């Protein structure tokens, strides 16, 4: 089952080191399916990029997405799919895979 338009959020880039790190702070919003529509507000979405031999390593963290939040399980699974499938496809082919 595909969830249509599961969230709405506004992010601001708060740190950018080209080729190494980008950090987005969630200014407003979060998942639409939770009671608290601002559940992500104040959290940080972090991508860290490094070399691992001849490969590139991407480390992803959604800082503040913690088990007590209503969306924790669903959001953790969704982020895993986005990183492993869509982002990986985008890097390899220039096209991501919609969820």
Protein backbone atom coordinates (compact mmCIF):
# COMPACT_ATOMS: atom_id res chain seq x y z
CA UNK A 1 0.00 0.00 0.00
CA UNK A 2 1.33 3.42 -0.93
CA UNK A 3 0.51 6.34 1.35
CA UNK A 4 -0.32 9.49 -0.57
CA UNK A 5 1.22 12.73 0.69
CA UNK A 6 2.21 11.32 4.12
CA UNK A 7 3.74 14.51 5.52
CA UNK A 8 4.29 18.17 5.05
CA UNK A 9 7.34 19.92 6.43
CA UNK A 10 9.51 22.95 5.87
CA UNK A 11 13.25 22.59 6.32
CA UNK A 12 16.12 25.03 6.41
CA UNK A 13 19.69 24.11 5.50
CA UNK A 14 21.68 24.96 8.63
CA UNK A 15 24.99 23.39 7.67
CA UNK A 16 26.53 22.63 4.30
CA UNK A 17 30.00 21.27 3.69
CA UNK A 18 29.99 20.29 -0.02
CA UNK A 19 30.79 16.64 -0.54
CA UNK A 20 30.88 15.98 3.23
CA UNK A 21 27.80 17.02 5.21
CA UNK A 22 24.41 18.67 4.95
CA UNK A 23 22.04 19.36 7.84
CA UNK A 24 18.40 20.40 7.53
CA UNK A 25 16.48 21.74 10.55
CA UNK A 26 12.75 21.11 10.38
CA UNK A 27 11.13 24.51 10.91
CA UNK A 28 7.49 23.36 10.66
CA UNK A 29 5.51 20.20 10.09
CA UNK A 30 5.76 16.48 10.19
CA UNK A 31 3.63 13.48 9.33
CA UNK A 32 0.00 14.19 8.52
CA UNK A 33 -1.12 10.88 10.02
CA UNK A 34 -0.09 11.80 13.60
CA UNK A 35 -2.16 13.67 16.18
CA UNK A 36 0.63 16.25 16.51
CA UNK A 37 1.15 17.57 12.97
CA UNK A 38 4.32 19.37 14.15
CA UNK A 39 6.01 16.24 15.51
CA UNK A 40 9.18 16.84 13.48
CA UNK A 41 9.50 20.54 14.38
CA UNK A 42 12.98 21.24 15.73
CA UNK A 43 14.44 17.91 14.58
CA UNK A 44 17.49 17.74 12.32
CA UNK A 45 17.96 15.64 9.19
CA UNK A 46 21.65 14.94 8.65
CA UNK A 47 23.54 13.44 5.71
CA UNK A 48 27.26 12.73 6.22
CA UNK A 49 29.30 11.69 3.20
CA UNK A 50 32.71 10.03 3.34
CA UNK A 51 35.00 7.72 1.37
CA UNK A 52 35.15 4.03 2.21
CA UNK A 53 37.96 2.69 0.04
CA UNK A 54 36.81 3.17 -3.55
CA UNK A 55 33.18 3.63 -2.48
CA UNK A 56 31.20 6.51 -1.06
CA UNK A 57 29.54 6.09 2.32
CA UNK A 58 26.40 8.05 3.26
CA UNK A 59 25.41 8.16 6.91
CA UNK A 60 21.86 9.36 7.58
CA UNK A 61 20.46 10.52 10.90
CA UNK A 62 17.09 12.06 11.73
CA UNK A 63 18.11 13.59 15.05
CA UNK A 64 15.10 13.97 17.32
CA UNK A 65 13.10 11.15 15.71
CA UNK A 66 12.86 9.18 18.95
CA UNK A 67 10.79 6.15 20.06
CA UNK A 68 8.30 8.20 22.12
CA UNK A 69 7.05 9.98 18.96
CA UNK A 70 3.88 8.61 17.37
CA UNK A 71 5.49 8.37 13.92
CA UNK A 72 8.74 6.71 15.07
CA UNK A 73 8.10 3.23 13.66
CA UNK A 74 6.54 4.36 10.39
CA UNK A 75 9.04 7.15 9.84
CA UNK A 76 12.05 4.95 10.62
CA UNK A 77 10.86 2.38 8.08
CA UNK A 78 10.12 5.07 5.48
CA UNK A 79 13.55 6.69 5.90
CA UNK A 80 15.19 3.27 5.52
CA UNK A 81 13.36 2.71 2.23
CA UNK A 82 14.17 6.21 0.98
CA UNK A 83 17.88 5.80 1.73
CA UNK A 84 18.31 2.18 0.57
CA UNK A 85 16.12 2.38 -2.52
CA UNK A 86 15.33 5.87 -3.76
CA UNK A 87 18.56 7.68 -2.83
CA UNK A 88 20.71 4.75 -3.93
CA UNK A 89 18.91 4.69 -7.30
CA UNK A 90 19.22 8.47 -7.65
CA UNK A 91 22.97 8.35 -7.02
CA UNK A 92 23.49 5.42 -9.41
CA UNK A 93 21.12 6.41 -12.23
CA UNK A 94 20.04 10.02 -11.70
CA UNK A 95 16.48 8.86 -10.98
CA UNK A 96 15.03 8.09 -7.56
CA UNK A 97 12.31 5.55 -6.88
CA UNK A 98 9.02 6.94 -5.57
CA UNK A 99 7.70 5.29 -2.42
